[in-house]
Amino acid sequence: MKGINKITTFFLMGIALFSSCIEDQDFDQYDDLALEPVLEASILYVEAPERVINLATATNFYTEDFNFDAFSADVFADRVIDGSITYIVTNTTSKELEVSIQFLDEGANVLDTENFTIAPAPTAVLQREIAYGGTGRSIDIIRNTSSIRVSALNLGDTTSTSNLPDPKVTLQSSGKFRVEIK
């Protein structure tokens, strides 16, 4: 009798277990899934020593166009949602300087410009974050950027030298963008 009760109990528990765990599977969850990772990378690093600034005969001591197709590559441009670019400008020279960054499209048309006027040393680091997409500037600026132009003007003289070791101006920039994978 005890054996029959055990068998009946296990049988009823088995039926209860299997019937309680059965649920229709929803494989449409994949369609509802949104993958939007944030990608972060360095964009530019430029430095100019004060001795180079002093050697320049014009106030514009530095201009260079950097090919930058990373933004306009289809894999990024078609998927970017929004993001920001952070600029850090440090000036340890004895001169007031103006640094300009321009985003250019394939035809060398200016899409966006960011200007920095930075006092001579001693100075704090100048940091600025510019948002693109959402409530910031148009994300199309980023999507259509093919090159970046950096130029710098000496608003001071060409003879003085900072008493700080290794006086120079540096520009660093990095981007942080949210992209849609699916």
C-alpha atoms as a PDB file:
ATOM      1  CA  MET A   1       0.000   0.000   0.000  1.00  0.00           C
ATOM      2  CA  LYS A   2       2.837   2.327   0.859  1.00  0.00           C
ATOM      3  CA  GLY A   3       4.416   1.672  -2.537  1.00  0.00           C
ATOM      4  CA  ILE A   4       1.189   2.570  -4.369  1.00  0.00           C
ATOM      5  CA  ASN A   5       0.863   5.848  -2.401  1.00  0.00           C
ATOM      6  CA  LYS A   6       4.443   6.767  -3.273  1.00  0.00           C
ATOM      7  CA  ILE A   7       3.904   5.984  -6.939  1.00  0.00           C
ATOM      8  CA  THR A   8       0.624   7.937  -6.988  1.00  0.00           C
ATOM      9  CA  THR A   9       2.253  10.881  -5.199  1.00  0.00           C
ATOM     10  CA  PHE A  10       5.223  10.951  -7.616  1.00  0.00           C
ATOM     11  CA  PHE A  11       2.876  10.594 -10.593  1.00  0.00           C
ATOM     12  CA  LEU A  12       0.698  13.528  -9.439  1.00  0.00           C
ATOM     13  CA  MET A  13       3.777  15.643  -8.665  1.00  0.00           C
ATOM     14  CA  GLY A  14       5.187  14.875 -12.114  1.00  0.00           C
ATOM     15  CA  ILE A  15       1.951  15.929 -13.827  1.00  0.00           C
ATOM     16  CA  ALA A  16       1.826  19.122 -11.721  1.00  0.00           C
ATOM     17  CA  LEU A  17       5.467  19.880 -12.472  1.00  0.00           C
ATOM     18  CA  PHE A  18       5.163  19.421 -16.230  1.00  0.00           C
ATOM     19  CA  SER A  19       1.878  21.293 -16.532  1.00  0.00           C
ATOM     20  CA  SER A  20       3.098  24.260 -14.460  1.00  0.00           C
ATOM     21  CA  CYS A  21       6.295  24.732 -16.463  1.00  0.00           C
ATOM     22  CA  ILE A  22       4.729  24.660 -19.887  1.00  0.00           C
ATOM     23  CA  GLU A  23       4.293  28.076 -21.487  1.00  0.00           C
ATOM     24  CA  ASP A  24       4.139  29.154 -25.091  1.00  0.00           C
ATOM     25  CA  GLN A  25       7.543  30.372 -26.155  1.00  0.00           C
ATOM     26  CA  ASP A  26       7.737  33.906 -27.593  1.00  0.00           C
ATOM     27  CA  PHE A  27      10.522  34.047 -30.146  1.00  0.00           C
ATOM     28  CA  ASP A  28       9.446  37.536 -31.293  1.00  0.00           C
ATOM     29  CA  GLN A  29      11.378  39.076 -28.396  1.00  0.00           C
ATOM     30  CA  TYR A  30      14.346  39.465 -30.730  1.00  0.00           C
ATOM     31  CA  ASP A  31      12.321  41.963 -32.778  1.00  0.00           C
ATOM     32  CA  ASP A  32      11.743  44.048 -29.635  1.00  0.00           C
ATOM     33  CA  LEU A  33      15.418  44.023 -28.688  1.00  0.00           C
ATOM     34  CA  ALA A  34      17.346  47.292 -29.134  1.00  0.00           C
ATOM     35  CA  LEU A  35      21.141  47.208 -29.012  1.00  0.00           C
ATOM     36  CA  GLU A  36      22.644  50.697 -28.677  1.00  0.00           C
ATOM     37  CA  PRO A  37      26.217  50.540 -27.360  1.00  0.00           C
ATOM     38  CA  VAL A  38      28.255  53.668 -26.700  1.00  0.00           C
ATOM     39  CA  LEU A  39      31.517  53.822 -28.642  1.00  0.00           C
ATOM     40  CA  GLU A  40      34.310  56.026 -27.341  1.00  0.00           C
ATOM     41  CA  ALA A  41      37.615  56.805 -29.033  1.00  0.00           C
ATOM     42  CA  SER A  42      40.324  59.401 -29.338  1.00  0.00           C
ATOM     43  CA  ILE A  43      39.966  61.628 -32.406  1.00  0.00           C
ATOM     44  CA  LEU A  44      42.930  64.045 -32.483  1.00  0.00           C
ATOM     45  CA  TYR A  45      46.076  64.874 -30.585  1.00  0.00           C
ATOM     46  CA  VAL A  46      48.094  67.862 -31.822  1.00  0.00           C
ATOM     47  CA  GLU A  47      50.890  69.737 -30.086  1.00  0.00           C
ATOM     48  CA  ALA A  48      53.089  72.661 -31.078  1.00  0.00           C
ATOM     49  CA  PRO A  49      56.137  73.694 -29.021  1.00  0.00           C
ATOM     50  CA  GLU A  50      56.603  77.406 -28.319  1.00  0.00           C
ATOM     51  CA  ARG A  51      59.867  77.490 -30.308  1.00  0.00           C
ATOM     52  CA  VAL A  52      57.872  76.475 -33.438  1.00  0.00           C
ATOM     53  CA  ILE A  53      55.317  79.209 -32.712  1.00  0.00           C
ATOM     54  CA  ASN A  54      58.155  81.762 -32.426  1.00  0.00           C
ATOM     55  CA  LEU A  55      59.642  80.655 -35.777  1.00  0.00           C
ATOM     56  CA  ALA A  56      56.406  81.322 -37.685  1.00  0.00           C
ATOM     57  CA  THR A  57      56.451  84.564 -39.659  1.00  0.00           C
ATOM     58  CA  ALA A  58      52.646  84.845 -39.828  1.00  0.00           C
ATOM     59  CA  THR A  59      50.163  84.839 -36.958  1.00  0.00           C
ATOM     60  CA  ASN A  60      48.795  81.546 -38.296  1.00  0.00           C
ATOM     61  CA  PHE A  61      51.505  79.159 -37.104  1.00  0.00           C
ATOM     62  CA  TYR A  62      49.673  75.883 -37.720  1.00  0.00           C
ATOM     63  CA  THR A  63      47.094  74.609 -40.228  1.00  0.00           C
ATOM     64  CA  GLU A  64      46.500  71.005 -41.169  1.00  0.00           C
ATOM     65  CA  ASP A  65      43.660  68.980 -42.661  1.00  0.00           C
ATOM     66  CA  PHE A  66      43.330  65.465 -41.258  1.00  0.00           C
ATOM     67  CA  ASN A  67      41.540  62.850 -43.347  1.00  0.00           C
ATOM     68  CA  PHE A  68      38.876  61.438 -41.051  1.00  0.00           C
ATOM     69  CA  ASP A  69      36.495  59.070 -42.822  1.00  0.00           C
ATOM     70  CA  ALA A  70      35.566  57.210 -39.630  1.00  0.00           C
ATOM     71  CA  PHE A  71      32.455  59.364 -39.163  1.00  0.00           C
ATOM     72  CA  SER A  72      31.288  59.121 -42.773  1.00  0.00           C
ATOM     73  CA  ALA A  73      31.847  55.355 -43.139  1.00  0.00           C
ATOM     74  CA  ASP A  74      28.479  53.695 -43.791  1.00  0.00           C
ATOM     75  CA  VAL A  75      28.877  51.299 -40.882  1.00  0.00           C
ATOM     76  CA  PHE A  76      28.975  54.302 -38.506  1.00  0.00           C
ATOM     77  CA  ALA A  77      27.040  57.035 -40.360  1.00  0.00           C
ATOM     78  CA  ASP A  78      23.952  54.866 -40.920  1.00  0.00           C
ATOM     79  CA  ARG A  79      23.803  53.792 -37.275  1.00  0.00           C
ATOM     80  CA  VAL A  80      24.907  56.774 -35.155  1.00  0.00           C
ATOM     81  CA  ILE A  81      22.113  58.134 -32.949  1.00  0.00           C
ATOM     82  CA  ASP A  82      23.770  60.851 -30.886  1.00  0.00           C
ATOM     83  CA  GLY A  83      26.942  61.639 -29.019  1.00  0.00           C
ATOM     84  CA  SER A  84      29.462  64.237 -28.030  1.00  0.00           C
ATOM     85  CA  ILE A  85      32.987  65.385 -28.734  1.00  0.00           C
ATOM     86  CA  THR A  86      35.185  66.577 -25.879  1.00  0.00           C
ATOM     87  CA  TYR A  87      38.035  68.988 -26.556  1.00  0.00           C
ATOM     88  CA  ILE A  88      40.891  69.705 -24.154  1.00  0.00           C
ATOM     89  CA  VAL A  89      43.234  72.599 -24.981  1.00  0.00           C
ATOM     90  CA  THR A  90      46.291  73.304 -22.824  1.00  0.00           C
ATOM     91  CA  ASN A  91      48.569  76.311 -23.304  1.00  0.00           C
ATOM     92  CA  THR A  92      51.827  76.500 -21.354  1.00  0.00           C
ATOM     93  CA  THR A  93      53.373  79.095 -23.708  1.00  0.00           C
ATOM     94  CA  SER A  94      53.808  82.829 -23.043  1.00  0.00           C
ATOM     95  CA  LYS A  95      51.326  83.699 -25.802  1.00  0.00           C
ATOM     96  CA  GLU A  96      47.580  84.109 -26.112  1.00  0.00           C
ATOM     97  CA  LEU A  97      46.453  81.658 -28.784  1.00  0.00           C
ATOM     98  CA  GLU A  98      43.349  80.935 -30.809  1.00  0.00           C
ATOM     99  CA  VAL A  99      42.716  77.358 -31.911  1.00  0.00           C
ATOM    100  CA  SER A 100      40.044  76.513 -34.474  1.00  0.00           C
ATOM    101  CA  ILE A 101      38.647  73.071 -35.353  1.00  0.00           C
ATOM    102  CA  GLN A 102      36.514  72.696 -38.475  1.00  0.00           C
ATOM    103  CA  PHE A 103      34.628  69.622 -39.658  1.00  0.00           C
ATOM    104  CA  LEU A 104      34.651  69.377 -43.464  1.00  0.00           C
ATOM    105  CA  ASP A 105      32.611  67.278 -45.883  1.00  0.00           C
ATOM    106  CA  GLU A 106      34.041  65.536 -48.978  1.00  0.00           C
ATOM    107  CA  GLY A 107      33.884  68.805 -50.937  1.00  0.00           C
ATOM    108  CA  ALA A 108      35.895  70.663 -48.241  1.00  0.00           C
ATOM    109  CA  ASN A 109      32.777  72.607 -47.204  1.00  0.00           C
ATOM    110  CA  VAL A 110      32.749  73.620 -43.538  1.00  0.00           C
ATOM    111  CA  LEU A 111      30.050  71.738 -41.609  1.00  0.00           C
ATOM    112  CA  ASP A 112      30.897  72.928 -38.099  1.00  0.00           C
ATOM    113  CA  THR A 113      33.490  75.104 -36.360  1.00  0.00           C
ATOM    114  CA  GLU A 114      34.680  75.248 -32.777  1.00  0.00           C
ATOM    115  CA  ASN A 115      36.977  78.103 -31.689  1.00  0.00           C
ATOM    116  CA  PHE A 116      39.073  78.346 -28.535  1.00  0.00           C
ATOM    117  CA  THR A 117      40.847  81.454 -27.283  1.00  0.00           C
ATOM    118  CA  ILE A 118      43.247  80.522 -24.530  1.00  0.00           C
ATOM    119  CA  ALA A 119      45.303  82.853 -22.355  1.00  0.00           C
ATOM    120  CA  PRO A 120      49.076  82.477 -21.894  1.00  0.00           C
ATOM    121  CA  ALA A 121      50.546  80.380 -19.076  1.00  0.00           C
ATOM    122  CA  PRO A 122      49.929  79.884 -16.277  1.00  0.00           C
ATOM    123  CA  THR A 123      46.507  78.749 -17.364  1.00  0.00           C
ATOM    124  CA  ALA A 124      43.972  76.152 -16.476  1.00  0.00           C
ATOM    125  CA  VAL A 125      43.119  73.455 -18.947  1.00  0.00           C
ATOM    126  CA  LEU A 126      40.263  74.500 -21.222  1.00  0.00           C
ATOM    127  CA  GLN A 127      37.752  71.693 -21.699  1.00  0.00           C
ATOM    128  CA  ARG A 128      34.578  71.822 -23.788  1.00  0.00           C
ATOM    129  CA  GLU A 129      32.026  69.154 -24.663  1.00  0.00           C
ATOM    130  CA  ILE A 130      29.845  69.580 -27.762  1.00  0.00           C
ATOM    131  CA  ALA A 131      26.706  67.431 -28.132  1.00  0.00           C
ATOM    132  CA  TYR A 132      25.473  66.168 -31.501  1.00  0.00           C
ATOM    133  CA  GLY A 133      22.006  64.748 -32.116  1.00  0.00           C
ATOM    134  CA  GLY A 134      19.058  65.018 -29.750  1.00  0.00           C
ATOM    135  CA  THR A 135      19.072  68.537 -28.283  1.00  0.00           C
ATOM    136  CA  GLY A 136      22.624  69.259 -29.494  1.00  0.00           C
ATOM    137  CA  ARG A 137      23.917  70.219 -32.904  1.00  0.00           C
ATOM    138  CA  SER A 138      22.721  68.250 -35.930  1.00  0.00           C
ATOM    139  CA  ILE A 139      23.974  64.661 -36.040  1.00  0.00           C
ATOM    140  CA  ASP A 140      24.283  65.125 -39.826  1.00  0.00           C
ATOM    141  CA  ILE A 141      27.434  67.152 -39.131  1.00  0.00           C
ATOM    142  CA  ILE A 142      29.054  64.002 -37.769  1.00  0.00           C
ATOM    143  CA  ARG A 143      27.614  61.745 -40.477  1.00  0.00           C
ATOM    144  CA  ASN A 144      28.989  63.915 -43.276  1.00  0.00           C
ATOM    145  CA  THR A 145      32.430  64.736 -41.847  1.00  0.00           C
ATOM    146  CA  SER A 146      35.224  63.545 -44.120  1.00  0.00           C
ATOM    147  CA  SER A 147      38.126  65.575 -42.736  1.00  0.00           C
ATOM    148  CA  ILE A 148      39.028  67.794 -39.803  1.00  0.00           C
ATOM    149  CA  ARG A 149      40.955  71.059 -40.168  1.00  0.00           C
ATOM    150  CA  VAL A 150      42.934  72.364 -37.219  1.00  0.00           C
ATOM    151  CA  SER A 151      44.439  75.846 -37.308  1.00  0.00           C
ATOM    152  CA  ALA A 152      46.096  77.957 -34.644  1.00  0.00           C
ATOM    153  CA  LEU A 153      46.828  81.674 -34.432  1.00  0.00           C
ATOM    154  CA  ASN A 154      49.428  83.405 -32.295  1.00  0.00           C
ATOM    155  CA  LEU A 155      47.733  86.460 -30.772  1.00  0.00           C
ATOM    156  CA  GLY A 156      50.950  87.411 -28.949  1.00  0.00           C
ATOM    157  CA  ASP A 157      54.542  88.074 -29.990  1.00  0.00           C
ATOM    158  CA  THR A 158      57.192  85.862 -31.591  1.00  0.00           C
ATOM    159  CA  THR A 159      60.054  86.540 -29.193  1.00  0.00           C
ATOM    160  CA  SER A 160      58.951  85.715 -25.650  1.00  0.00           C
ATOM    161  CA  THR A 161      59.351  82.275 -24.125  1.00  0.00           C
ATOM    162  CA  SER A 162      57.529  80.807 -21.165  1.00  0.00           C
ATOM    163  CA  ASN A 163      59.599  80.016 -18.077  1.00  0.00           C
ATOM    164  CA  LEU A 164      57.719  76.704 -17.696  1.00  0.00           C
ATOM    165  CA  PRO A 165      59.552  73.542 -18.788  1.00  0.00           C
ATOM    166  CA  ASP A 166      58.705  72.374 -22.321  1.00  0.00           C
ATOM    167  CA  PRO A 167      56.202  75.153 -23.175  1.00  0.00           C
ATOM    168  CA  LYS A 168      53.673  74.128 -25.835  1.00  0.00           C
ATOM    169  CA  VAL A 169      50.036  74.163 -26.821  1.00  0.00           C
ATOM    170  CA  THR A 170      48.194  70.832 -27.023  1.00  0.00           C
ATOM    171  CA  LEU A 171      44.803  69.933 -28.438  1.00  0.00           C
ATOM    172  CA  GLN A 172      43.194  66.630 -27.549  1.00  0.00           C
ATOM    173  CA  SER A 173      39.768  65.461 -28.625  1.00  0.00           C
ATOM    174  CA  SER A 174      37.706  62.351 -28.109  1.00  0.00           C
ATOM    175  CA  GLY A 175      34.274  61.239 -29.225  1.00  0.00           C
ATOM    176  CA  LYS A 176      31.577  59.296 -27.457  1.00  0.00           C
ATOM    177  CA  PHE A 177      28.694  58.145 -29.669  1.00  0.00           C
ATOM    178  CA  ARG A 178      25.647  55.939 -29.238  1.00  0.00           C
ATOM    179  CA  VAL A 179      25.056  53.678 -32.243  1.00  0.00           C
ATOM    180  CA  GLU A 180      22.216  51.359 -33.148  1.00  0.00           C
ATOM    181  CA  ILE A 181      23.363  47.824 -33.907  1.00  0.00           C
ATOM    182  CA  LYS A 182      19.930  46.335 -34.517  1.00  0.00           C
END
